[in-house]
Amino acid sequence: MIHEDMAGFAASLPGAGGLAGLDLGTKTIGVAVSDGLRQVASPLSVIRRRKFTLDAADLLQIVAERGLVGLVLGLPRNMDGSEGPRAQSTRAFARNLSALTPLPIGFWDERLSTVAAERALLEADTSRRRRAEVIDQVAAGYILQGALDRLRYPAC
């Protein structure tokens, strides 16, 4: 089931269990996962996009191996809050994925997540080549951590 807001997403989750955060790009999908108590997001991997069925199979394999209980997709809004073609593509991915899994799917505003990830990697003195390899999974980590913080402190 797809949830537009974090309150609905939180209500559909079991009491414990890890979540996956996804940064959907045109060429890759950055994947991050949380611990079972949903405290910390950790970048995990990058899935090279081929076609939806293969991408979904790779993603659902990660979900099954780690026993994850929900998915958070970064929703790429424009800076004015409106949604463009990339957001529509993310929503279509969520609709297609929800047909393949009963897991709850939530959206998290991902504005500037890639910028934050890039800054963190620059501060860590990561080489340009290594940054290119891991930027999507680090951005997924930022997306997931934002959602985890919101789930932990819903009144904020």
N, C-alpha and C. Protein backbone atom coordinates (compact mmCIF):
# COMPACT_ATOMS: atom_id res chain seq x y z
N MET A 1 0.83 -1.18 0.00
CA MET A 1 0.00 0.00 0.00
C MET A 1 0.88 1.25 0.00
N ILE A 2 0.49 2.22 -0.77
CA ILE A 2 1.25 3.46 -0.91
C ILE A 2 0.64 4.53 0.01
N HIS A 3 1.50 5.21 0.76
CA HIS A 3 1.06 6.26 1.68
C HIS A 3 1.68 7.58 1.27
N GLU A 4 0.85 8.60 1.19
CA GLU A 4 1.31 9.92 0.81
C GLU A 4 1.97 10.66 1.97
N ASP A 5 1.55 10.33 3.21
CA ASP A 5 2.10 11.04 4.36
C ASP A 5 2.76 10.05 5.32
N MET A 6 3.66 10.56 6.13
CA MET A 6 4.40 9.72 7.06
C MET A 6 3.50 9.16 8.17
N ALA A 7 2.44 9.84 8.52
CA ALA A 7 1.55 9.34 9.58
C ALA A 7 0.87 8.05 9.12
N GLY A 8 0.36 8.04 7.91
CA GLY A 8 -0.27 6.83 7.38
C GLY A 8 0.74 5.71 7.20
N PHE A 9 1.93 6.07 6.75
CA PHE A 9 2.99 5.08 6.57
C PHE A 9 3.36 4.47 7.92
N ALA A 10 3.54 5.31 8.94
CA ALA A 10 3.91 4.84 10.28
C ALA A 10 2.84 3.92 10.84
N ALA A 11 1.57 4.25 10.62
CA ALA A 11 0.46 3.44 11.14
C ALA A 11 0.43 2.06 10.50
N SER A 12 0.94 1.93 9.29
CA SER A 12 0.89 0.65 8.59
C SER A 12 2.10 -0.25 8.90
N LEU A 13 3.07 0.27 9.63
CA LEU A 13 4.28 -0.49 9.94
C LEU A 13 4.10 -1.31 11.21
N PRO A 14 4.72 -2.50 11.26
CA PRO A 14 4.74 -3.24 12.52
C PRO A 14 5.62 -2.51 13.54
N GLY A 15 5.59 -2.94 14.79
CA GLY A 15 6.33 -2.27 15.85
C GLY A 15 7.83 -2.20 15.65
N ALA A 16 8.40 -3.20 15.00
CA ALA A 16 9.84 -3.22 14.77
C ALA A 16 10.11 -3.80 13.40
N GLY A 17 11.33 -3.60 12.93
CA GLY A 17 11.73 -4.11 11.63
C GLY A 17 12.35 -3.00 10.82
N GLY A 18 13.33 -3.35 10.04
CA GLY A 18 14.06 -2.37 9.25
C GLY A 18 13.28 -1.87 8.04
N LEU A 19 13.71 -0.72 7.57
CA LEU A 19 13.14 -0.11 6.38
C LEU A 19 14.22 0.05 5.32
N ALA A 20 13.80 0.17 4.07
CA ALA A 20 14.72 0.47 2.98
C ALA A 20 14.40 1.87 2.48
N GLY A 21 15.44 2.62 2.16
CA GLY A 21 15.28 3.93 1.55
C GLY A 21 15.82 3.85 0.14
N LEU A 22 15.10 4.46 -0.81
CA LEU A 22 15.49 4.39 -2.21
C LEU A 22 15.64 5.77 -2.81
N ASP A 23 16.74 5.96 -3.52
CA ASP A 23 16.96 7.17 -4.31
C ASP A 23 16.89 6.73 -5.77
N LEU A 24 15.74 6.98 -6.41
CA LEU A 24 15.52 6.53 -7.78
C LEU A 24 16.12 7.51 -8.77
N GLY A 25 17.04 7.04 -9.56
CA GLY A 25 17.60 7.84 -10.63
C GLY A 25 17.24 7.21 -11.97
N THR A 26 17.64 7.84 -13.04
CA THR A 26 17.34 7.28 -14.36
C THR A 26 18.24 6.10 -14.69
N LYS A 27 19.46 6.08 -14.14
CA LYS A 27 20.41 5.01 -14.43
C LYS A 27 20.65 4.07 -13.26
N THR A 28 20.40 4.54 -12.04
CA THR A 28 20.67 3.74 -10.85
C THR A 28 19.59 3.94 -9.80
N ILE A 29 19.55 3.00 -8.85
CA ILE A 29 18.70 3.13 -7.66
C ILE A 29 19.63 2.98 -6.46
N GLY A 30 19.75 4.04 -5.69
CA GLY A 30 20.53 3.98 -4.47
C GLY A 30 19.68 3.33 -3.39
N VAL A 31 20.29 2.42 -2.64
CA VAL A 31 19.56 1.69 -1.60
C VAL A 31 20.27 1.89 -0.26
N ALA A 32 19.48 2.22 0.75
CA ALA A 32 19.96 2.30 2.13
C ALA A 32 19.00 1.50 2.99
N VAL A 33 19.47 1.01 4.12
CA VAL A 33 18.62 0.24 5.02
C VAL A 33 18.78 0.76 6.45
N SER A 34 17.77 0.50 7.25
CA SER A 34 17.85 0.88 8.65
C SER A 34 18.00 -0.37 9.51
N ASP A 35 18.35 -0.14 10.75
CA ASP A 35 18.37 -1.24 11.72
C ASP A 35 16.92 -1.56 12.09
N GLY A 36 16.72 -2.65 12.81
CA GLY A 36 15.38 -3.10 13.17
C GLY A 36 14.63 -2.16 14.09
N LEU A 37 15.36 -1.34 14.85
CA LEU A 37 14.71 -0.38 15.74
C LEU A 37 14.45 0.96 15.05
N ARG A 38 14.85 1.07 13.79
CA ARG A 38 14.63 2.26 12.96
C ARG A 38 15.27 3.51 13.55
N GLN A 39 16.53 3.35 13.97
CA GLN A 39 17.27 4.47 14.52
C GLN A 39 18.24 5.07 13.51
N VAL A 40 18.95 4.21 12.77
CA VAL A 40 20.05 4.65 11.93
C VAL A 40 19.91 4.10 10.52
N ALA A 41 20.10 4.96 9.53
CA ALA A 41 20.10 4.55 8.12
C ALA A 41 21.55 4.35 7.68
N SER A 42 21.77 3.29 6.93
CA SER A 42 23.11 2.99 6.41
C SER A 42 23.04 2.76 4.91
N PRO A 43 23.88 3.45 4.15
CA PRO A 43 23.93 3.19 2.71
C PRO A 43 24.30 1.72 2.48
N LEU A 44 23.66 1.09 1.50
CA LEU A 44 23.89 -0.33 1.26
C LEU A 44 24.49 -0.63 -0.10
N SER A 45 23.79 -0.23 -1.16
CA SER A 45 24.24 -0.60 -2.50
C SER A 45 23.58 0.28 -3.55
N VAL A 46 24.00 0.04 -4.78
CA VAL A 46 23.41 0.71 -5.93
C VAL A 46 22.95 -0.37 -6.91
N ILE A 47 21.72 -0.25 -7.35
CA ILE A 47 21.19 -1.16 -8.36
C ILE A 47 21.27 -0.44 -9.70
N ARG A 48 21.97 -1.03 -10.66
CA ARG A 48 22.03 -0.47 -12.01
C ARG A 48 20.70 -0.75 -12.69
N ARG A 49 20.03 0.29 -13.16
CA ARG A 49 18.70 0.11 -13.76
C ARG A 49 18.81 -0.52 -15.13
N ARG A 50 17.92 -1.49 -15.34
CA ARG A 50 17.81 -2.14 -16.65
C ARG A 50 16.37 -2.00 -17.13
N LYS A 51 15.49 -2.82 -16.60
CA LYS A 51 14.06 -2.62 -16.83
C LYS A 51 13.34 -2.91 -15.52
N PHE A 52 12.11 -2.45 -15.40
CA PHE A 52 11.44 -2.47 -14.11
C PHE A 52 11.42 -3.85 -13.46
N THR A 53 11.07 -4.89 -14.20
CA THR A 53 10.94 -6.21 -13.59
C THR A 53 12.26 -6.68 -12.99
N LEU A 54 13.37 -6.42 -13.65
CA LEU A 54 14.68 -6.81 -13.13
C LEU A 54 15.07 -5.95 -11.93
N ASP A 55 14.80 -4.65 -12.03
CA ASP A 55 15.10 -3.74 -10.91
C ASP A 55 14.29 -4.13 -9.67
N ALA A 56 13.01 -4.41 -9.87
CA ALA A 56 12.14 -4.78 -8.75
C ALA A 56 12.59 -6.11 -8.14
N ALA A 57 12.99 -7.06 -8.97
CA ALA A 57 13.47 -8.35 -8.45
C ALA A 57 14.72 -8.15 -7.59
N ASP A 58 15.65 -7.31 -8.05
CA ASP A 58 16.85 -7.02 -7.25
C ASP A 58 16.49 -6.38 -5.92
N LEU A 59 15.59 -5.43 -5.97
CA LEU A 59 15.17 -4.73 -4.76
C LEU A 59 14.45 -5.66 -3.80
N LEU A 60 13.53 -6.46 -4.30
CA LEU A 60 12.77 -7.36 -3.44
C LEU A 60 13.65 -8.47 -2.86
N GLN A 61 14.72 -8.81 -3.55
CA GLN A 61 15.68 -9.78 -3.00
C GLN A 61 16.37 -9.18 -1.77
N ILE A 62 16.76 -7.91 -1.86
CA ILE A 62 17.37 -7.23 -0.71
C ILE A 62 16.38 -7.19 0.45
N VAL A 63 15.13 -6.85 0.14
CA VAL A 63 14.08 -6.78 1.16
C VAL A 63 13.92 -8.13 1.86
N ALA A 64 13.87 -9.20 1.08
CA ALA A 64 13.68 -10.54 1.65
C ALA A 64 14.88 -10.97 2.48
N GLU A 65 16.09 -10.74 1.95
CA GLU A 65 17.30 -11.15 2.66
C GLU A 65 17.44 -10.46 4.00
N ARG A 66 17.01 -9.22 4.08
CA ARG A 66 17.19 -8.44 5.31
C ARG A 66 15.93 -8.39 6.17
N GLY A 67 14.84 -8.98 5.70
CA GLY A 67 13.61 -8.98 6.48
C GLY A 67 13.03 -7.60 6.70
N LEU A 68 13.10 -6.75 5.69
CA LEU A 68 12.63 -5.37 5.81
C LEU A 68 11.10 -5.32 5.81
N VAL A 69 10.54 -4.31 6.48
CA VAL A 69 9.09 -4.23 6.64
C VAL A 69 8.44 -3.03 5.95
N GLY A 70 9.22 -2.21 5.27
CA GLY A 70 8.66 -1.06 4.58
C GLY A 70 9.68 -0.41 3.67
N LEU A 71 9.18 0.40 2.73
CA LEU A 71 10.04 1.09 1.76
C LEU A 71 9.75 2.58 1.78
N VAL A 72 10.81 3.38 1.76
CA VAL A 72 10.69 4.83 1.68
C VAL A 72 11.33 5.27 0.38
N LEU A 73 10.56 5.88 -0.50
CA LEU A 73 11.07 6.35 -1.79
C LEU A 73 11.26 7.86 -1.72
N GLY A 74 12.42 8.31 -2.16
CA GLY A 74 12.66 9.74 -2.25
C GLY A 74 11.80 10.32 -3.36
N LEU A 75 11.02 11.34 -3.04
CA LEU A 75 10.16 11.99 -4.03
C LEU A 75 10.82 13.29 -4.46
N PRO A 76 11.29 13.35 -5.71
CA PRO A 76 12.03 14.54 -6.17
C PRO A 76 11.12 15.70 -6.55
N ARG A 77 10.80 16.50 -5.57
CA ARG A 77 10.00 17.70 -5.83
C ARG A 77 10.89 18.83 -6.34
N ASN A 78 10.27 19.77 -7.03
CA ASN A 78 10.99 20.98 -7.44
C ASN A 78 11.17 21.86 -6.21
N MET A 79 12.06 22.82 -6.30
CA MET A 79 12.33 23.67 -5.14
C MET A 79 11.10 24.45 -4.67
N ASP A 80 10.14 24.70 -5.56
CA ASP A 80 8.92 25.40 -5.16
C ASP A 80 7.86 24.44 -4.60
N GLY A 81 8.20 23.16 -4.50
CA GLY A 81 7.28 22.17 -3.93
C GLY A 81 6.42 21.46 -4.96
N SER A 82 6.44 21.92 -6.19
CA SER A 82 5.65 21.26 -7.23
C SER A 82 6.33 19.97 -7.68
N GLU A 83 5.59 19.16 -8.41
CA GLU A 83 6.12 17.89 -8.89
C GLU A 83 6.26 17.92 -10.41
N GLY A 84 7.41 17.46 -10.87
CA GLY A 84 7.67 17.41 -12.29
C GLY A 84 7.70 15.97 -12.79
N PRO A 85 8.29 15.76 -13.95
CA PRO A 85 8.34 14.44 -14.56
C PRO A 85 9.05 13.39 -13.71
N ARG A 86 10.11 13.78 -13.00
CA ARG A 86 10.82 12.80 -12.16
C ARG A 86 9.96 12.33 -11.00
N ALA A 87 9.17 13.22 -10.42
CA ALA A 87 8.27 12.82 -9.34
C ALA A 87 7.18 11.89 -9.88
N GLN A 88 6.69 12.18 -11.06
CA GLN A 88 5.68 11.31 -11.67
C GLN A 88 6.26 9.92 -11.95
N SER A 89 7.52 9.88 -12.37
CA SER A 89 8.19 8.62 -12.62
C SER A 89 8.34 7.83 -11.31
N THR A 90 8.66 8.51 -10.22
CA THR A 90 8.79 7.86 -8.92
C THR A 90 7.45 7.31 -8.47
N ARG A 91 6.39 8.07 -8.66
CA ARG A 91 5.05 7.60 -8.29
C ARG A 91 4.66 6.37 -9.12
N ALA A 92 5.01 6.36 -10.40
CA ALA A 92 4.71 5.21 -11.25
C ALA A 92 5.50 3.98 -10.78
N PHE A 93 6.77 4.19 -10.41
CA PHE A 93 7.58 3.09 -9.88
C PHE A 93 6.92 2.52 -8.62
N ALA A 94 6.45 3.39 -7.74
CA ALA A 94 5.80 2.95 -6.50
C ALA A 94 4.53 2.16 -6.81
N ARG A 95 3.73 2.64 -7.75
CA ARG A 95 2.50 1.91 -8.12
C ARG A 95 2.83 0.52 -8.65
N ASN A 96 3.81 0.44 -9.53
CA ASN A 96 4.19 -0.85 -10.10
C ASN A 96 4.77 -1.77 -9.03
N LEU A 97 5.56 -1.21 -8.13
CA LEU A 97 6.18 -2.01 -7.07
C LEU A 97 5.12 -2.51 -6.07
N SER A 98 4.12 -1.69 -5.80
CA SER A 98 3.08 -2.08 -4.84
C SER A 98 2.27 -3.26 -5.35
N ALA A 99 2.26 -3.48 -6.66
CA ALA A 99 1.58 -4.65 -7.22
C ALA A 99 2.37 -5.93 -6.96
N LEU A 100 3.66 -5.79 -6.63
CA LEU A 100 4.53 -6.95 -6.44
C LEU A 100 4.80 -7.29 -4.98
N THR A 101 4.47 -6.38 -4.08
CA THR A 101 4.77 -6.60 -2.66
C THR A 101 3.69 -5.98 -1.78
N PRO A 102 3.39 -6.64 -0.67
CA PRO A 102 2.41 -6.07 0.26
C PRO A 102 3.01 -5.04 1.21
N LEU A 103 4.31 -4.81 1.13
CA LEU A 103 4.97 -3.88 2.04
C LEU A 103 4.44 -2.46 1.87
N PRO A 104 4.31 -1.73 2.98
CA PRO A 104 3.91 -0.33 2.87
C PRO A 104 5.02 0.48 2.20
N ILE A 105 4.60 1.43 1.38
CA ILE A 105 5.52 2.31 0.66
C ILE A 105 5.17 3.74 1.02
N GLY A 106 6.18 4.49 1.43
CA GLY A 106 5.98 5.90 1.77
C GLY A 106 6.90 6.77 0.94
N PHE A 107 6.55 8.04 0.83
CA PHE A 107 7.37 9.00 0.10
C PHE A 107 8.02 9.97 1.08
N TRP A 108 9.24 10.39 0.75
CA TRP A 108 9.94 11.39 1.54
C TRP A 108 10.51 12.42 0.59
N ASP A 109 10.28 13.68 0.88
CA ASP A 109 10.77 14.78 0.05
C ASP A 109 12.29 14.73 0.01
N GLU A 110 12.83 14.51 -1.17
CA GLU A 110 14.28 14.33 -1.28
C GLU A 110 15.03 15.57 -1.76
N ARG A 111 14.38 16.72 -1.74
CA ARG A 111 15.07 17.93 -2.19
C ARG A 111 16.41 18.08 -1.47
N LEU A 112 17.43 18.28 -2.22
CA LEU A 112 18.79 18.52 -1.76
C LEU A 112 19.47 17.33 -1.09
N SER A 113 18.89 16.14 -1.15
CA SER A 113 19.54 14.98 -0.53
C SER A 113 20.85 14.65 -1.25
N THR A 114 20.86 14.75 -2.58
CA THR A 114 22.09 14.46 -3.32
C THR A 114 23.15 15.53 -3.04
N VAL A 115 22.72 16.77 -2.87
CA VAL A 115 23.66 17.85 -2.53
C VAL A 115 24.28 17.58 -1.17
N ALA A 116 23.46 17.18 -0.19
CA ALA A 116 23.97 16.87 1.14
C ALA A 116 24.92 15.69 1.10
N ALA A 117 24.58 14.68 0.31
CA ALA A 117 25.45 13.51 0.18
C ALA A 117 26.78 13.88 -0.45
N GLU A 118 26.72 14.71 -1.46
CA GLU A 118 27.95 15.16 -2.15
C GLU A 118 28.84 15.93 -1.18
N ARG A 119 28.25 16.81 -0.39
CA ARG A 119 29.03 17.57 0.60
C ARG A 119 29.68 16.66 1.62
N ALA A 120 28.92 15.67 2.10
CA ALA A 120 29.47 14.75 3.09
C ALA A 120 30.65 13.96 2.51
N LEU A 121 30.52 13.54 1.27
CA LEU A 121 31.60 12.79 0.63
C LEU A 121 32.81 13.68 0.38
N LEU A 122 32.60 14.95 0.04
CA LEU A 122 33.70 15.88 -0.15
C LEU A 122 34.42 16.14 1.18
N GLU A 123 33.64 16.28 2.24
CA GLU A 123 34.24 16.50 3.57
C GLU A 123 35.06 15.30 4.01
N ALA A 124 34.65 14.11 3.56
CA ALA A 124 35.39 12.89 3.89
C ALA A 124 36.57 12.68 2.95
N ASP A 125 36.81 13.66 2.07
CA ASP A 125 37.93 13.61 1.13
C ASP A 125 37.86 12.38 0.23
N THR A 126 36.65 12.07 -0.23
CA THR A 126 36.43 10.93 -1.12
C THR A 126 36.83 11.31 -2.54
N SER A 127 37.50 10.41 -3.22
CA SER A 127 37.93 10.70 -4.59
C SER A 127 36.73 10.88 -5.51
N ARG A 128 36.92 11.56 -6.60
CA ARG A 128 35.85 11.81 -7.56
C ARG A 128 35.26 10.49 -8.06
N ARG A 129 36.12 9.53 -8.35
CA ARG A 129 35.66 8.24 -8.86
C ARG A 129 34.81 7.52 -7.81
N ARG A 130 35.27 7.50 -6.57
CA ARG A 130 34.54 6.83 -5.50
C ARG A 130 33.22 7.54 -5.21
N ARG A 131 33.22 8.88 -5.28
CA ARG A 131 31.97 9.64 -5.09
C ARG A 131 30.94 9.23 -6.12
N ALA A 132 31.37 9.09 -7.37
CA ALA A 132 30.44 8.69 -8.43
C ALA A 132 29.86 7.30 -8.17
N GLU A 133 30.64 6.43 -7.55
CA GLU A 133 30.19 5.07 -7.28
C GLU A 133 29.17 5.00 -6.14
N VAL A 134 29.31 5.87 -5.14
CA VAL A 134 28.50 5.73 -3.94
C VAL A 134 27.49 6.85 -3.71
N ILE A 135 27.47 7.87 -4.53
CA ILE A 135 26.61 9.04 -4.27
C ILE A 135 25.14 8.66 -4.13
N ASP A 136 24.66 7.73 -4.96
CA ASP A 136 23.24 7.38 -4.92
C ASP A 136 22.87 6.64 -3.63
N GLN A 137 23.73 5.75 -3.16
CA GLN A 137 23.41 5.05 -1.93
C GLN A 137 23.55 5.96 -0.72
N VAL A 138 24.46 6.91 -0.76
CA VAL A 138 24.58 7.88 0.33
C VAL A 138 23.36 8.80 0.34
N ALA A 139 22.89 9.21 -0.84
CA ALA A 139 21.68 10.03 -0.93
C ALA A 139 20.48 9.24 -0.40
N ALA A 140 20.41 7.94 -0.70
CA ALA A 140 19.34 7.09 -0.17
C ALA A 140 19.41 7.06 1.35
N GLY A 141 20.62 7.06 1.89
CA GLY A 141 20.79 7.11 3.34
C GLY A 141 20.23 8.39 3.94
N TYR A 142 20.47 9.52 3.27
CA TYR A 142 19.92 10.79 3.74
C TYR A 142 18.40 10.78 3.69
N ILE A 143 17.85 10.24 2.62
CA ILE A 143 16.40 10.15 2.48
C ILE A 143 15.82 9.30 3.61
N LEU A 144 16.38 8.12 3.81
CA LEU A 144 15.87 7.22 4.84
C LEU A 144 16.05 7.80 6.23
N GLN A 145 17.19 8.43 6.52
CA GLN A 145 17.41 9.00 7.85
C GLN A 145 16.40 10.11 8.14
N GLY A 146 16.08 10.91 7.14
CA GLY A 146 15.06 11.94 7.33
C GLY A 146 13.71 11.34 7.68
N ALA A 147 13.36 10.26 6.98
CA ALA A 147 12.09 9.59 7.27
C ALA A 147 12.11 8.94 8.66
N LEU A 148 13.24 8.33 9.02
CA LEU A 148 13.34 7.72 10.35
C LEU A 148 13.20 8.75 11.45
N ASP A 149 13.83 9.90 11.26
CA ASP A 149 13.72 10.97 12.26
C ASP A 149 12.28 11.43 12.40
N ARG A 150 11.58 11.53 11.28
CA ARG A 150 10.20 11.95 11.30
C ARG A 150 9.31 10.91 12.00
N LEU A 151 9.58 9.64 11.74
CA LEU A 151 8.82 8.56 12.39
C LEU A 151 9.06 8.56 13.90
N ARG A 152 10.28 8.90 14.31
CA ARG A 152 10.62 8.90 15.72
C ARG A 152 10.03 10.13 16.44
N TYR A 153 9.97 11.25 15.74
CA TYR A 153 9.46 12.50 16.33
C TYR A 153 8.34 13.06 15.46
N PRO A 154 7.17 12.45 15.48
CA PRO A 154 6.10 12.85 14.55
C PRO A 154 5.55 14.25 14.78
N ALA A 155 5.71 14.83 15.97
CA ALA A 155 5.15 16.15 16.25
C ALA A 155 6.00 17.28 15.69
N CYS A 156 7.21 16.99 15.21
CA CYS A 156 8.11 18.03 14.72
C CYS A 156 7.67 18.60 13.40
